[in-house]
């Protein structure tokens, strides 16, 4: 059941995103993407050091969007623009940051949104699509 829900959710998310011209303009048409059993999906932005992700956390009852950084210098640079970042993401909910000097290889900037996975997911897909577009605006701050 859990696997089926993941598959259904991912396909429906892609189908919804395909209807959004603003999303397709930025990330391309996701309708041809392969379904997989992961609970997250990544959208390339042409940068090697960071990429936006969308996640479905069924067990936790939430969805999330994040920027995943493999370059700690670029993440630290973004942290100096915290006010601008939080303004861009404010409509999505509480913005969460990894500590810039955390003892780990990668960093995340993320926002989560509580979801009832048993209900109509249209609003959740809208939130995730809006969130992925907002994350693009955030990484554009890095020039």
Protein backbone atom coordinates (compact mmCIF):
# COMPACT_ATOMS: atom_id res chain seq x y z
CA UNK A 1 0.00 0.00 0.00
CA UNK A 2 2.73 2.47 0.92
CA UNK A 3 4.58 1.78 -2.34
CA UNK A 4 1.38 2.27 -4.36
CA UNK A 5 0.67 5.57 -2.63
CA UNK A 6 4.16 6.81 -3.45
CA UNK A 7 3.77 5.87 -7.11
CA UNK A 8 0.32 7.43 -7.37
CA UNK A 9 1.45 10.59 -5.62
CA UNK A 10 4.48 11.07 -7.83
CA UNK A 11 2.56 10.52 -11.08
CA UNK A 12 -0.22 12.85 -9.96
CA UNK A 13 2.33 15.50 -8.95
CA UNK A 14 3.92 15.32 -12.41
CA UNK A 15 0.49 15.44 -14.08
CA UNK A 16 -0.43 18.52 -12.05
CA UNK A 17 2.91 20.26 -12.73
CA UNK A 18 2.47 19.63 -16.46
CA UNK A 19 -0.67 21.82 -16.39
CA UNK A 20 1.32 24.74 -14.99
CA UNK A 21 2.97 26.75 -17.80
CA UNK A 22 5.09 28.62 -15.23
CA UNK A 23 6.50 25.32 -13.94
CA UNK A 24 7.09 23.86 -17.41
CA UNK A 25 8.89 27.07 -18.46
CA UNK A 26 11.33 26.71 -15.56
CA UNK A 27 11.79 22.96 -15.13
CA UNK A 28 10.50 21.48 -18.38
CA UNK A 29 7.59 19.10 -18.88
CA UNK A 30 7.74 16.45 -16.11
CA UNK A 31 5.06 14.21 -17.65
CA UNK A 32 7.63 11.92 -19.26
CA UNK A 33 9.51 11.27 -16.02
CA UNK A 34 9.76 7.70 -14.87
CA UNK A 35 7.91 6.74 -11.73
CA UNK A 36 10.19 5.48 -8.99
CA UNK A 37 9.79 4.22 -5.45
CA UNK A 38 11.65 7.11 -3.83
CA UNK A 39 9.74 9.58 -1.72
CA UNK A 40 11.52 12.55 -3.28
CA UNK A 41 12.19 13.98 -6.71
CA UNK A 42 14.88 16.37 -7.82
CA UNK A 43 14.72 19.04 -10.49
CA UNK A 44 17.98 20.16 -12.04
CA UNK A 45 18.64 23.85 -12.38
CA UNK A 46 21.91 23.71 -14.29
CA UNK A 47 24.06 24.25 -11.20
CA UNK A 48 26.43 21.60 -9.92
CA UNK A 49 26.41 22.85 -6.34
CA UNK A 50 22.70 22.91 -5.56
CA UNK A 51 19.37 21.51 -6.72
CA UNK A 52 15.72 21.86 -5.71
CA UNK A 53 13.91 18.78 -4.42
CA UNK A 54 10.31 17.94 -3.66
CA UNK A 55 9.53 15.29 -1.04
CA UNK A 56 6.46 13.30 -0.04
CA UNK A 57 6.75 12.13 3.58
CA UNK A 58 3.73 9.89 3.91
CA UNK A 59 4.64 8.48 7.31
CA UNK A 60 5.34 11.98 8.67
CA UNK A 61 2.22 13.45 7.07
CA UNK A 62 3.90 16.24 5.16
CA UNK A 63 5.37 17.33 1.87
CA UNK A 64 8.46 19.50 1.55
CA UNK A 65 10.52 21.48 -0.90
CA UNK A 66 14.18 22.17 -0.40
CA UNK A 67 17.41 23.36 -1.91
CA UNK A 68 20.06 20.70 -1.44
CA UNK A 69 23.60 22.09 -1.44
CA UNK A 70 26.73 20.05 -2.07
CA UNK A 71 28.87 23.22 -1.90
CA UNK A 72 29.08 24.52 1.67
CA UNK A 73 30.59 27.85 0.54
CA UNK A 74 27.56 28.60 -1.67
CA UNK A 75 25.23 27.61 1.19
CA UNK A 76 27.07 29.92 3.59
CA UNK A 77 26.77 32.70 0.99
CA UNK A 78 23.01 32.10 0.83
CA UNK A 79 22.82 32.26 4.63
CA UNK A 80 24.06 35.87 4.48
CA UNK A 81 20.90 36.64 2.46
CA UNK A 82 18.55 35.07 5.02
CA UNK A 83 16.07 38.00 5.05
CA UNK A 84 15.66 37.95 1.26
CA UNK A 85 15.34 34.16 1.21
CA UNK A 86 12.70 34.13 3.93
CA UNK A 87 10.73 36.87 2.13
CA UNK A 88 10.69 34.76 -1.07
CA UNK A 89 9.54 31.66 0.82
CA UNK A 90 7.24 33.30 3.43
CA UNK A 91 3.98 32.28 1.69
CA UNK A 92 4.99 28.59 1.96
CA UNK A 93 5.42 28.40 5.74
CA UNK A 94 8.30 28.22 8.19
CA UNK A 95 11.72 28.21 6.52
CA UNK A 96 14.23 25.82 8.07
CA UNK A 97 18.00 26.10 7.67
CA UNK A 98 20.86 23.74 8.38
CA UNK A 99 23.57 25.43 10.41
CA UNK A 100 26.20 26.70 7.95
CA UNK A 101 29.05 25.26 10.04
CA UNK A 102 27.36 21.92 10.80
CA UNK A 103 29.69 18.93 10.70
CA UNK A 104 28.17 17.32 7.65
CA UNK A 105 28.88 17.13 3.96
CA UNK A 106 25.71 18.76 2.54
CA UNK A 107 23.26 21.48 3.57
CA UNK A 108 19.49 21.94 3.16
CA UNK A 109 17.21 24.92 3.12
CA UNK A 110 13.66 23.63 3.33
CA UNK A 111 9.99 24.29 3.97
CA UNK A 112 7.41 21.64 4.86
CA UNK A 113 3.64 21.55 4.62
CA UNK A 114 1.33 19.18 6.52
CA UNK A 115 -0.83 17.02 4.26
CA UNK A 116 -3.55 14.42 4.66
CA UNK A 117 -2.48 11.89 2.04
CA UNK A 118 -5.92 10.23 2.13
CA UNK A 119 -7.63 13.40 0.84
CA UNK A 120 -7.60 15.20 -2.49
CA UNK A 121 -3.97 16.12 -3.16
CA UNK A 122 -4.55 18.98 -5.63
CA UNK A 123 -3.77 21.66 -3.03
CA UNK A 124 -0.64 19.77 -1.97
CA UNK A 125 0.61 19.55 -5.56
CA UNK A 126 -0.11 23.25 -6.03
CA UNK A 127 1.90 24.02 -2.88
CA UNK A 128 4.80 21.82 -4.02
CA UNK A 129 4.82 23.33 -7.51
CA UNK A 130 4.71 26.86 -6.08
CA UNK A 131 7.45 25.87 -3.64
CA UNK A 132 9.76 24.51 -6.35
CA UNK A 133 9.26 27.73 -8.32
CA UNK A 134 10.04 29.80 -5.20
CA UNK A 135 13.20 27.75 -4.61
CA UNK A 136 14.33 28.70 -8.10
CA UNK A 137 13.95 32.36 -7.12
CA UNK A 138 16.05 31.65 -4.04
CA UNK A 139 18.98 30.06 -5.84
CA UNK A 140 18.93 32.91 -8.37
CA UNK A 141 20.03 35.15 -5.46
CA UNK A 142 23.41 33.41 -5.75
CA UNK A 143 23.87 35.05 -9.15
